[in-house]
Amino acid sequence: MNFKGLLPKTLIEKSAYKVMIILDMEPYLIDSVEDDADIAHIINATLTKQGYEVRTFPDGESFLDSFAERKPNMVLLDMMLPGIQ
């Protein structure tokens, strides 16, 4: 994407993520499906601190319900999640 003529040169040199925020675009969305509350909290806190939008789900059913509303850019899935085969 070429921002020349739209944004100041110093802004163009910034990272794409910062340009995305300034242009008021949606941040990168990561969905985390994790049934262990402690692990889910660590994942959420770490990714949020890095500037990502994070949605956390305790089970596959709630994740699938939400998936229809807004599709994430990435999904972190607990492969040992009960009830998922």
Protein backbone atom coordinates (compact mmCIF):
# COMPACT_ATOMS: atom_id res chain seq x y z
CA MET A 1 0.00 0.00 0.00
CA ASN A 2 1.42 3.40 -0.96
CA PHE A 3 0.76 6.25 1.48
CA LYS A 4 2.82 8.87 -0.38
CA GLY A 5 0.93 12.12 -0.67
CA LEU A 6 -1.54 11.06 2.02
CA LEU A 7 0.71 11.04 5.07
CA PRO A 8 3.83 12.91 6.17
CA LYS A 9 7.13 11.21 5.26
CA THR A 10 8.01 10.57 8.92
CA LEU A 11 4.73 8.73 9.35
CA ILE A 12 5.32 6.60 6.26
CA GLU A 13 8.59 5.43 7.78
CA LYS A 14 6.81 4.12 10.90
CA SER A 15 5.72 0.51 11.16
CA ALA A 16 2.63 -0.65 9.31
CA TYR A 17 0.92 -1.30 12.63
CA LYS A 18 1.31 2.30 13.77
CA VAL A 19 0.07 3.56 10.41
CA MET A 20 -2.92 1.25 10.77
CA ILE A 21 -3.80 2.77 14.16
CA ILE A 22 -3.43 6.34 12.92
CA LEU A 23 -5.71 5.58 9.97
CA ASP A 24 -8.23 4.15 12.47
CA MET A 25 -8.25 0.68 10.91
CA GLU A 26 -9.13 -2.39 12.93
CA PRO A 27 -6.18 -3.87 14.84
CA TYR A 28 -4.98 -7.41 14.19
CA LEU A 29 -7.49 -9.70 15.91
CA ILE A 30 -6.36 -12.90 17.62
CA ASP A 31 -8.83 -15.39 19.08
CA SER A 32 -7.56 -17.63 21.85
CA VAL A 33 -9.48 -20.79 22.74
CA GLU A 34 -8.15 -22.05 26.08
CA ASP A 35 -10.03 -23.78 28.91
CA ASP A 36 -7.34 -23.15 31.56
CA ALA A 37 -8.10 -19.69 33.00
CA ASP A 38 -4.49 -19.04 34.09
CA ILE A 39 -3.05 -19.84 30.66
CA ALA A 40 -5.82 -17.84 28.96
CA HIS A 41 -4.98 -14.84 31.14
CA ILE A 42 -1.25 -15.05 30.29
CA ILE A 43 -1.99 -15.29 26.56
CA ASN A 44 -4.41 -12.38 26.70
CA ALA A 45 -2.15 -10.12 28.77
CA THR A 46 0.93 -10.82 26.64
CA LEU A 47 -0.73 -10.24 23.28
CA THR A 48 -2.72 -7.21 24.45
CA LYS A 49 0.48 -5.63 25.75
CA GLN A 50 1.97 -6.07 22.26
CA GLY A 51 -0.95 -4.12 20.76
CA TYR A 52 -3.12 -6.93 19.47
CA GLU A 53 -6.86 -7.16 19.99
CA VAL A 54 -7.50 -10.46 21.75
CA ARG A 55 -10.73 -12.36 22.33
CA THR A 56 -10.51 -15.29 24.75
CA PHE A 57 -12.92 -18.23 24.75
CA PRO A 58 -13.12 -20.99 27.37
CA ASP A 59 -14.57 -23.55 24.97
CA GLY A 60 -14.99 -24.33 21.28
CA GLU A 61 -18.71 -23.68 21.26
CA SER A 62 -18.44 -20.04 22.37
CA PHE A 63 -15.58 -19.53 19.89
CA LEU A 64 -17.66 -20.86 16.99
CA ASP A 65 -20.61 -18.65 17.96
CA SER A 66 -18.33 -15.60 17.93
CA PHE A 67 -16.56 -16.63 14.73
CA ALA A 68 -19.73 -15.95 12.73
CA GLU A 69 -19.78 -12.32 13.95
CA ARG A 70 -16.19 -11.37 13.19
CA LYS A 71 -13.47 -13.55 11.77
CA PRO A 72 -10.06 -13.23 13.46
CA ASN A 73 -6.72 -12.83 11.71
CA MET A 74 -5.34 -15.73 13.76
CA VAL A 75 -6.64 -18.41 16.13
CA LEU A 76 -4.67 -19.92 19.00
CA LEU A 77 -6.36 -23.23 19.75
CA ASP A 78 -5.77 -25.52 22.71
CA MET A 79 -5.51 -28.90 20.95
CA MET A 80 -6.31 -30.72 24.22
CA LEU A 81 -9.58 -28.83 24.67
CA PRO A 82 -12.30 -31.08 26.14
CA GLY A 83 -15.12 -31.84 23.71
CA ILE A 84 -13.14 -31.01 20.55
CA GLN A 85 -12.29 -33.94 18.30
